N, C-alpha and C. Protein backbone atom coordinates (compact mmCIF):
# COMPACT_ATOMS: atom_id res chain seq x y z
N MET A 1 67.60 16.10 13.82
CA MET A 1 66.29 15.50 13.91
C MET A 1 66.46 13.99 13.90
N ALA A 2 65.61 13.27 14.59
CA ALA A 2 65.65 11.82 14.63
C ALA A 2 64.28 11.27 14.28
N TRP A 3 64.28 10.03 13.85
CA TRP A 3 63.02 9.39 13.47
C TRP A 3 62.11 9.31 14.68
N SER A 4 60.91 9.81 14.55
CA SER A 4 59.98 9.88 15.67
C SER A 4 59.15 8.61 15.78
N ALA A 5 58.90 8.18 16.99
CA ALA A 5 58.03 7.02 17.23
C ALA A 5 56.61 7.32 16.77
N ASP A 6 56.26 8.60 16.66
CA ASP A 6 54.93 8.99 16.20
C ASP A 6 54.73 8.72 14.71
N TRP A 7 55.80 8.41 14.00
CA TRP A 7 55.72 8.21 12.57
C TRP A 7 55.57 6.72 12.21
N SER A 8 54.86 5.98 13.02
CA SER A 8 54.65 4.56 12.75
C SER A 8 53.85 4.39 11.47
N PRO A 9 54.19 3.40 10.66
CA PRO A 9 53.45 3.18 9.41
C PRO A 9 52.06 2.63 9.70
N GLN A 10 51.20 2.75 8.70
CA GLN A 10 49.89 2.15 8.84
C GLN A 10 50.02 0.66 8.56
N PHE A 11 49.25 -0.11 9.24
CA PHE A 11 49.29 -1.55 9.00
C PHE A 11 48.30 -1.86 7.90
N VAL A 12 48.54 -2.70 6.98
CA VAL A 12 49.60 -3.68 6.94
C VAL A 12 50.82 -3.07 6.26
N TYR A 13 52.00 -3.35 6.82
CA TYR A 13 53.24 -3.06 6.12
C TYR A 13 53.99 -4.38 6.02
N THR A 14 54.96 -4.44 5.14
CA THR A 14 55.61 -5.72 4.89
C THR A 14 57.08 -5.67 5.25
N TYR A 15 57.59 -6.83 5.65
CA TYR A 15 59.03 -6.96 5.82
C TYR A 15 59.43 -8.40 5.66
N GLY A 16 60.67 -8.59 5.29
CA GLY A 16 61.20 -9.93 5.11
C GLY A 16 62.67 -9.87 4.78
N PRO A 17 63.33 -11.04 4.68
CA PRO A 17 64.77 -11.06 4.43
C PRO A 17 65.10 -10.76 2.97
N GLN A 18 66.26 -10.17 2.77
CA GLN A 18 66.78 -9.91 1.43
C GLN A 18 68.23 -10.36 1.40
N PHE A 19 68.63 -10.98 0.31
CA PHE A 19 70.00 -11.41 0.11
C PHE A 19 70.56 -10.70 -1.12
N LYS A 20 71.86 -10.73 -1.27
CA LYS A 20 72.49 -10.10 -2.43
C LYS A 20 73.45 -11.11 -3.04
N THR A 21 73.14 -11.56 -4.25
CA THR A 21 73.94 -12.55 -4.96
C THR A 21 74.40 -11.96 -6.28
N GLU A 22 75.69 -12.06 -6.56
CA GLU A 22 76.22 -11.62 -7.84
C GLU A 22 76.29 -12.83 -8.76
N ILE A 23 75.65 -12.73 -9.93
CA ILE A 23 75.62 -13.84 -10.89
C ILE A 23 76.36 -13.42 -12.15
N THR A 24 77.38 -14.21 -12.52
CA THR A 24 78.12 -13.97 -13.75
C THR A 24 77.82 -15.11 -14.71
N GLU A 25 77.28 -14.76 -15.88
CA GLU A 25 76.97 -15.78 -16.87
C GLU A 25 78.08 -15.78 -17.93
N PHE A 26 78.60 -16.98 -18.21
CA PHE A 26 79.67 -17.13 -19.19
C PHE A 26 79.08 -17.44 -20.56
N GLU A 27 79.91 -17.28 -21.61
CA GLU A 27 79.46 -17.53 -22.97
C GLU A 27 78.98 -18.96 -23.16
N THR A 28 79.49 -19.89 -22.37
CA THR A 28 79.09 -21.29 -22.48
C THR A 28 77.70 -21.53 -21.89
N GLY A 29 77.16 -20.53 -21.21
CA GLY A 29 75.85 -20.68 -20.58
C GLY A 29 75.93 -21.04 -19.11
N LYS A 30 77.12 -21.38 -18.65
CA LYS A 30 77.28 -21.69 -17.24
C LYS A 30 77.27 -20.41 -16.43
N GLU A 31 76.93 -20.54 -15.15
CA GLU A 31 76.88 -19.39 -14.26
C GLU A 31 77.82 -19.58 -13.08
N GLN A 32 78.36 -18.48 -12.62
CA GLN A 32 79.11 -18.46 -11.37
C GLN A 32 78.36 -17.54 -10.43
N ARG A 33 78.13 -17.98 -9.21
CA ARG A 33 77.39 -17.19 -8.23
C ARG A 33 78.28 -16.88 -7.04
N ARG A 34 78.12 -15.63 -6.56
CA ARG A 34 78.91 -15.20 -5.40
C ARG A 34 77.98 -14.47 -4.44
N GLN A 35 78.04 -14.90 -3.21
CA GLN A 35 77.23 -14.28 -2.16
C GLN A 35 77.93 -13.00 -1.71
N LYS A 36 77.23 -11.85 -1.81
CA LYS A 36 77.85 -10.57 -1.44
C LYS A 36 77.62 -10.23 0.02
N TRP A 37 76.56 -10.75 0.62
CA TRP A 37 76.30 -10.51 2.04
C TRP A 37 76.42 -11.83 2.79
N ALA A 38 77.03 -11.80 3.96
CA ALA A 38 77.19 -13.02 4.75
C ALA A 38 75.86 -13.51 5.32
N ALA A 39 74.92 -12.60 5.52
CA ALA A 39 73.61 -12.97 6.09
C ALA A 39 72.54 -12.12 5.43
N GLY A 40 71.31 -12.61 5.50
CA GLY A 40 70.18 -11.85 4.97
C GLY A 40 69.94 -10.59 5.80
N ARG A 41 69.38 -9.59 5.17
CA ARG A 41 69.03 -8.35 5.87
C ARG A 41 67.54 -8.14 5.77
N LYS A 42 66.97 -7.56 6.80
CA LYS A 42 65.54 -7.31 6.79
C LYS A 42 65.26 -6.06 5.94
N ARG A 43 64.20 -6.15 5.16
CA ARG A 43 63.76 -5.03 4.34
C ARG A 43 62.33 -4.71 4.76
N PHE A 44 62.08 -3.45 5.03
CA PHE A 44 60.77 -2.99 5.50
C PHE A 44 60.14 -2.09 4.45
N HIS A 45 58.91 -2.37 4.09
CA HIS A 45 58.15 -1.53 3.16
C HIS A 45 57.07 -0.82 3.97
N LEU A 46 57.21 0.49 4.14
CA LEU A 46 56.29 1.27 4.97
C LEU A 46 55.34 2.06 4.10
N VAL A 47 54.08 2.09 4.49
CA VAL A 47 53.04 2.80 3.75
C VAL A 47 52.30 3.73 4.70
N TYR A 48 52.13 4.95 4.25
CA TYR A 48 51.34 5.95 4.97
C TYR A 48 50.27 6.42 3.99
N ASN A 49 49.00 6.11 4.24
CA ASN A 49 47.94 6.43 3.30
C ASN A 49 47.34 7.82 3.48
N ALA A 50 47.28 8.32 4.67
CA ALA A 50 46.68 9.64 4.91
C ALA A 50 47.46 10.34 6.01
N LEU A 51 48.70 10.61 5.74
CA LEU A 51 49.59 11.24 6.70
C LEU A 51 49.34 12.75 6.71
N PRO A 52 49.28 13.37 7.89
CA PRO A 52 49.15 14.83 7.91
C PRO A 52 50.33 15.47 7.16
N ALA A 53 50.05 16.50 6.39
CA ALA A 53 51.09 17.15 5.58
C ALA A 53 52.25 17.64 6.44
N ALA A 54 51.97 18.10 7.64
CA ALA A 54 53.05 18.58 8.53
C ALA A 54 53.98 17.43 8.92
N THR A 55 53.43 16.26 9.19
CA THR A 55 54.25 15.09 9.53
C THR A 55 55.05 14.64 8.30
N ALA A 56 54.42 14.66 7.14
CA ALA A 56 55.12 14.30 5.90
C ALA A 56 56.30 15.23 5.67
N ALA A 57 56.13 16.51 5.98
CA ALA A 57 57.23 17.47 5.83
C ALA A 57 58.38 17.13 6.76
N LEU A 58 58.09 16.65 7.95
CA LEU A 58 59.14 16.24 8.89
C LEU A 58 59.88 15.01 8.39
N ILE A 59 59.14 14.04 7.84
CA ILE A 59 59.78 12.84 7.28
C ILE A 59 60.65 13.22 6.09
N LEU A 60 60.16 14.12 5.25
CA LEU A 60 60.94 14.59 4.11
C LEU A 60 62.22 15.29 4.59
N ALA A 61 62.12 16.08 5.63
CA ALA A 61 63.31 16.75 6.18
C ALA A 61 64.32 15.72 6.70
N GLU A 62 63.84 14.66 7.34
CA GLU A 62 64.73 13.60 7.82
C GLU A 62 65.41 12.90 6.64
N PHE A 63 64.63 12.64 5.59
CA PHE A 63 65.17 12.02 4.37
C PHE A 63 66.28 12.89 3.77
N GLU A 64 66.04 14.20 3.73
CA GLU A 64 67.05 15.12 3.19
C GLU A 64 68.28 15.20 4.09
N THR A 65 68.08 15.16 5.40
CA THR A 65 69.21 15.16 6.34
C THR A 65 70.07 13.92 6.13
N MET A 66 69.43 12.78 5.89
CA MET A 66 70.14 11.53 5.68
C MET A 66 70.73 11.42 4.28
N LYS A 67 70.39 12.38 3.41
CA LYS A 67 70.84 12.36 2.02
C LYS A 67 70.40 11.07 1.33
N GLY A 68 69.13 10.74 1.51
CA GLY A 68 68.57 9.53 0.91
C GLY A 68 69.17 8.28 1.52
N ALA A 69 69.73 7.43 0.68
CA ALA A 69 70.28 6.15 1.14
C ALA A 69 71.71 6.26 1.67
N TYR A 70 72.22 7.48 1.79
CA TYR A 70 73.63 7.66 2.15
C TYR A 70 73.95 7.30 3.59
N THR A 71 73.14 7.76 4.55
CA THR A 71 73.47 7.51 5.96
C THR A 71 72.44 6.59 6.61
N THR A 72 72.78 6.12 7.80
CA THR A 72 71.92 5.19 8.53
C THR A 72 71.30 5.88 9.74
N MET A 73 70.34 5.19 10.32
CA MET A 73 69.71 5.67 11.54
C MET A 73 69.17 4.48 12.31
N SER A 74 68.81 4.72 13.54
CA SER A 74 68.17 3.71 14.36
C SER A 74 66.67 3.84 14.19
N TRP A 75 66.00 2.73 13.91
CA TRP A 75 64.55 2.72 13.70
C TRP A 75 63.95 1.57 14.48
N THR A 76 62.88 1.82 15.21
CA THR A 76 62.22 0.79 15.99
C THR A 76 61.00 0.28 15.24
N ASN A 77 61.01 -1.01 14.98
CA ASN A 77 59.89 -1.66 14.31
C ASN A 77 58.69 -1.65 15.27
N PRO A 78 57.58 -1.01 14.90
CA PRO A 78 56.44 -0.94 15.82
C PRO A 78 55.76 -2.28 16.06
N ALA A 79 55.99 -3.25 15.18
CA ALA A 79 55.34 -4.55 15.34
C ALA A 79 55.98 -5.38 16.45
N ASP A 80 57.31 -5.30 16.58
CA ASP A 80 57.99 -6.12 17.60
C ASP A 80 58.85 -5.29 18.56
N THR A 81 58.82 -3.98 18.42
CA THR A 81 59.56 -3.02 19.25
C THR A 81 61.08 -3.28 19.25
N THR A 82 61.58 -3.94 18.21
CA THR A 82 63.02 -4.17 18.06
C THR A 82 63.63 -2.99 17.32
N SER A 83 64.78 -2.55 17.78
CA SER A 83 65.48 -1.44 17.13
C SER A 83 66.45 -1.99 16.09
N TYR A 84 66.43 -1.41 14.90
CA TYR A 84 67.29 -1.82 13.80
C TYR A 84 68.08 -0.61 13.30
N THR A 85 69.29 -0.84 12.81
CA THR A 85 70.03 0.19 12.09
C THR A 85 69.63 0.02 10.63
N VAL A 86 69.05 1.08 10.07
CA VAL A 86 68.50 1.00 8.71
C VAL A 86 68.95 2.22 7.89
N ARG A 87 68.73 2.11 6.59
CA ARG A 87 68.89 3.24 5.68
C ARG A 87 67.75 3.15 4.67
N PHE A 88 67.46 4.27 4.02
CA PHE A 88 66.50 4.25 2.93
C PHE A 88 67.10 3.42 1.79
N VAL A 89 66.27 2.70 1.05
CA VAL A 89 66.75 1.90 -0.07
C VAL A 89 67.01 2.80 -1.28
N GLU A 90 66.15 3.79 -1.48
CA GLU A 90 66.25 4.66 -2.65
C GLU A 90 66.81 6.03 -2.27
N ASP A 91 67.31 6.72 -3.27
CA ASP A 91 67.80 8.09 -3.09
C ASP A 91 66.74 9.13 -3.44
N SER A 92 65.53 8.69 -3.72
CA SER A 92 64.45 9.63 -4.02
C SER A 92 63.23 9.27 -3.18
N LEU A 93 62.42 10.27 -2.93
CA LEU A 93 61.21 10.10 -2.12
C LEU A 93 60.12 10.95 -2.74
N GLN A 94 58.96 10.37 -2.96
CA GLN A 94 57.85 11.11 -3.55
C GLN A 94 56.69 11.17 -2.58
N LEU A 95 56.18 12.38 -2.39
CA LEU A 95 55.00 12.59 -1.56
C LEU A 95 53.82 12.81 -2.50
N GLN A 96 52.77 12.05 -2.31
CA GLN A 96 51.58 12.19 -3.14
C GLN A 96 50.52 12.92 -2.32
N TYR A 97 50.22 14.15 -2.71
CA TYR A 97 49.25 14.95 -1.96
C TYR A 97 47.84 14.54 -2.35
N LEU A 98 47.08 14.03 -1.36
CA LEU A 98 45.69 13.64 -1.58
C LEU A 98 44.78 14.86 -1.44
N THR A 99 45.10 15.72 -0.48
CA THR A 99 44.46 17.01 -0.27
C THR A 99 45.56 17.97 0.16
N THR A 100 45.21 19.17 0.49
CA THR A 100 46.25 20.11 0.95
C THR A 100 46.79 19.72 2.33
N THR A 101 46.08 18.86 3.04
CA THR A 101 46.51 18.49 4.40
C THR A 101 46.80 17.00 4.58
N ALA A 102 46.62 16.19 3.53
CA ALA A 102 46.85 14.74 3.65
C ALA A 102 47.77 14.26 2.53
N VAL A 103 48.73 13.43 2.93
CA VAL A 103 49.76 12.95 2.01
C VAL A 103 49.83 11.44 2.05
N ARG A 104 50.04 10.82 0.89
CA ARG A 104 50.32 9.39 0.81
C ARG A 104 51.81 9.25 0.55
N LEU A 105 52.43 8.34 1.28
CA LEU A 105 53.88 8.17 1.21
C LEU A 105 54.20 6.71 1.42
N GLU A 106 55.09 6.16 0.60
CA GLU A 106 55.59 4.81 0.84
C GLU A 106 57.04 4.72 0.43
N PHE A 107 57.80 3.92 1.19
CA PHE A 107 59.23 3.79 0.95
C PHE A 107 59.73 2.54 1.63
N ASP A 108 60.97 2.18 1.35
CA ASP A 108 61.58 0.98 1.94
C ASP A 108 62.80 1.38 2.76
N PHE A 109 62.95 0.67 3.88
CA PHE A 109 64.18 0.68 4.68
C PHE A 109 64.83 -0.67 4.48
N ILE A 110 66.17 -0.71 4.57
CA ILE A 110 66.88 -1.98 4.61
C ILE A 110 67.81 -1.96 5.82
N GLU A 111 67.89 -3.08 6.48
CA GLU A 111 68.76 -3.22 7.65
C GLU A 111 70.22 -3.14 7.22
N VAL A 112 71.00 -2.44 8.00
CA VAL A 112 72.44 -2.33 7.75
C VAL A 112 73.14 -3.10 8.86
N ILE A 113 74.00 -4.01 8.47
CA ILE A 113 74.69 -4.86 9.45
C ILE A 113 76.13 -4.43 9.59
C-alpha cells in the first residue's frame, strides 16, 4: 500500500524547518554544542478533523506497514505539490472516534535526507 493523494490533510496544517543540536553541559556551567544534522529538515504536522473511518483504517494500515517511524515513504505536499521522502515522527498513532463513521487524527512527518 502507498500513501494516497486522497489523504490530503485539512487546512490549516503546519510545517517548518527542524534542526538537531546536541548540547553537553559541563560542571563549570559551560556548554558544548554539536550540530547533528548538516541541514534543517522539514517537519509537517497534519490534522484530519472528520476523516471517514474507512480512510482512517487505511492510514492506520499504512502506519503499521511502515512500523511507525521505522521506514520512509514518498509523500507529496498538497500545498506546493513537492514530493518529499518522509517518515512518521512517532512510533504510535491514536485515532479519536468522533462517531462510528468519523475519526479525528493528527500526526507529524519529518523529512529524511
